[in-house]
Amino acid sequence: MSDTVQAEVIMSFLVSEELAFRIPVELDFDSADPYAVRLTFDLPGDAPVTWAFGRELLLDGLSRRSGEGDVRIEPASPEHLSDVYINLQVGPERALFRASAPPLIAFLDRTDRLVPLGKEEVCDTLDAALDRILAEAPAG
């Protein structure tokens, strides 16, 4: 059995330099997958979109530019811990969000109380999963 942490954070979805709108974004953490955070957003007219990335990437992105490739997170201002940019990209498609840092910090704090950073263990090892599958398999 795993425990979860969820939070809804209002973020600005930055369409262009001139156009942005605020949307609710769901953050999820599951102790069964303690290295990952899931971010889900739902734009009008589209199906919900979920991205999974490292919990440590989110933490690091609060204070410095972090990530390579599809997910990059960085503070909006190097002097203040106020807002954070979250850039999600696949090929030419991109979603850029601006989020207030305090709700992200509160979310990360709750995940850390559930599974402290650096104390993660994969809860279901390959051997344990194989043993469970074999035990449940019908004889014959």
Protein backbone atom coordinates (compact mmCIF):
# COMPACT_ATOMS: atom_id res chain seq x y z
CA MET A 1 0.00 0.00 0.00
CA SER A 2 1.30 3.43 -0.84
CA ASP A 3 0.56 6.90 0.43
CA THR A 4 0.10 9.90 -1.80
CA VAL A 5 0.39 13.66 -1.64
CA GLN A 6 -1.73 15.81 -3.92
CA ALA A 7 -1.99 19.55 -4.39
CA GLU A 8 -3.79 21.84 -6.77
CA VAL A 9 -1.65 24.83 -7.71
CA ILE A 10 -2.87 27.74 -9.81
CA MET A 11 -0.26 28.44 -12.49
CA SER A 12 -0.03 30.87 -15.37
CA PHE A 13 0.02 29.10 -18.72
CA LEU A 14 2.19 31.33 -20.91
CA VAL A 15 0.93 31.10 -24.48
CA SER A 16 3.11 33.98 -25.72
CA GLU A 17 4.75 37.10 -24.33
CA GLU A 18 1.40 38.88 -24.69
CA LEU A 19 -0.99 36.12 -23.66
CA ALA A 20 -1.20 34.09 -20.44
CA PHE A 21 -4.06 32.61 -18.49
CA ARG A 22 -4.31 31.01 -15.07
CA ILE A 23 -5.23 27.34 -14.81
CA PRO A 24 -5.36 24.79 -11.99
CA VAL A 25 -2.55 22.25 -12.15
CA GLU A 26 -2.62 19.03 -10.14
CA LEU A 27 0.61 17.84 -8.52
CA ASP A 28 0.78 14.21 -7.39
CA PHE A 29 3.36 12.21 -5.48
CA ASP A 30 3.05 8.49 -4.72
CA SER A 31 5.33 6.82 -2.17
CA ALA A 32 5.34 3.72 -4.41
CA ASP A 33 7.30 5.82 -6.94
CA PRO A 34 9.23 8.10 -4.56
CA TYR A 35 11.52 9.66 -7.15
CA ALA A 36 8.73 11.08 -9.33
CA VAL A 37 6.24 13.93 -9.29
CA ARG A 38 3.31 14.05 -11.70
CA LEU A 39 1.95 17.33 -13.04
CA THR A 40 -1.46 17.25 -14.73
CA PHE A 41 -3.14 20.13 -16.51
CA ASP A 42 -6.36 20.34 -18.47
CA LEU A 43 -6.67 22.97 -21.18
CA PRO A 44 -10.16 23.79 -22.46
CA GLY A 45 -11.07 21.55 -25.38
CA ASP A 46 -8.22 19.08 -24.78
CA ALA A 47 -7.83 15.91 -22.78
CA PRO A 48 -5.86 16.23 -19.51
CA VAL A 49 -2.10 16.02 -19.98
CA THR A 50 0.19 14.43 -17.38
CA TRP A 51 3.95 14.81 -17.15
CA ALA A 52 6.14 12.82 -14.78
CA PHE A 53 9.56 14.05 -13.77
CA GLY A 54 11.99 13.83 -10.87
CA ARG A 55 10.98 15.22 -7.49
CA GLU A 56 14.56 16.40 -7.05
CA LEU A 57 14.34 18.28 -10.37
CA LEU A 58 11.41 20.28 -9.00
CA LEU A 59 13.31 21.00 -5.79
CA ASP A 60 16.48 22.05 -7.62
CA GLY A 61 14.51 24.22 -10.04
CA LEU A 62 13.29 26.41 -7.19
CA SER A 63 16.76 27.88 -6.75
CA ARG A 64 18.63 27.33 -10.03
CA ARG A 65 18.12 26.33 -13.66
CA SER A 66 17.62 22.57 -13.67
CA GLY A 67 16.81 19.87 -16.16
CA GLU A 68 17.73 18.97 -19.67
CA GLY A 69 15.58 17.90 -22.56
CA ASP A 70 11.82 17.71 -22.13
CA VAL A 71 11.50 19.22 -18.64
CA ARG A 72 13.33 22.33 -17.46
CA ILE A 73 12.60 24.26 -14.28
CA GLU A 74 14.16 27.54 -13.18
CA PRO A 75 13.49 30.47 -10.89
CA ALA A 76 11.95 33.52 -12.54
CA SER A 77 14.34 35.73 -10.58
CA PRO A 78 17.76 34.69 -9.31
CA GLU A 79 17.51 37.16 -6.42
CA HIS A 80 14.12 36.16 -4.98
CA LEU A 81 12.43 32.86 -4.24
CA SER A 82 9.09 33.94 -5.67
CA ASP A 83 8.13 32.43 -9.02
CA VAL A 84 9.34 29.46 -11.02
CA TYR A 85 9.16 28.66 -14.73
CA ILE A 86 8.28 25.08 -15.67
CA ASN A 87 8.99 24.36 -19.34
CA LEU A 88 7.63 21.11 -20.83
CA GLN A 89 8.59 20.35 -24.41
CA VAL A 90 8.28 17.52 -26.92
CA GLY A 91 9.69 18.38 -30.33
CA PRO A 92 8.23 21.72 -31.40
CA GLU A 93 5.30 21.46 -28.93
CA ARG A 94 5.86 23.38 -25.72
CA ALA A 95 3.96 24.29 -22.57
CA LEU A 96 5.42 27.01 -20.37
CA PHE A 97 4.07 27.66 -16.88
CA ARG A 98 4.86 30.25 -14.27
CA ALA A 99 4.10 29.15 -10.71
CA SER A 100 4.46 30.76 -7.34
CA ALA A 101 7.22 29.02 -5.37
CA PRO A 102 5.50 28.81 -1.93
CA PRO A 103 2.81 26.26 -2.97
CA LEU A 104 5.50 24.16 -4.68
CA ILE A 105 7.64 24.31 -1.52
CA ALA A 106 4.63 23.29 0.60
CA PHE A 107 3.94 20.35 -1.74
CA LEU A 108 7.59 19.24 -1.62
CA ASP A 109 7.60 19.56 2.16
CA ARG A 110 4.61 17.22 2.39
CA THR A 111 6.33 14.70 0.08
CA ASP A 112 9.47 14.92 2.20
CA ARG A 113 7.50 14.13 5.37
CA LEU A 114 6.09 11.05 3.62
CA VAL A 115 9.36 9.91 1.99
CA PRO A 116 12.40 12.00 2.97
CA LEU A 117 14.67 13.02 0.11
CA GLY A 118 17.69 10.73 0.03
CA LYS A 119 15.77 7.98 1.85
CA GLU A 120 13.82 6.74 -1.17
CA GLU A 121 13.67 3.03 -1.72
CA VAL A 122 11.88 1.39 -4.56
CA CYS A 123 9.05 -0.17 -2.64
CA ASP A 124 8.48 -3.07 -4.98
CA THR A 125 11.73 -4.60 -6.18
CA LEU A 126 11.84 -6.82 -9.23
CA ASP A 127 12.39 -9.92 -7.08
CA ALA A 128 9.42 -9.09 -4.84
CA ALA A 129 7.19 -8.47 -7.87
CA LEU A 130 8.28 -11.75 -9.46
CA ASP A 131 7.66 -13.65 -6.21
CA ARG A 132 4.15 -12.15 -5.97
CA ILE A 133 3.33 -13.00 -9.59
CA LEU A 134 4.55 -16.58 -9.19
CA ALA A 135 2.59 -17.00 -5.95
CA GLU A 136 -0.61 -15.79 -7.62
CA ALA A 137 -0.17 -17.88 -10.77
CA PRO A 138 -2.46 -20.89 -11.05
CA ALA A 139 -0.73 -24.23 -10.54
CA GLY A 140 -0.39 -26.45 -13.53
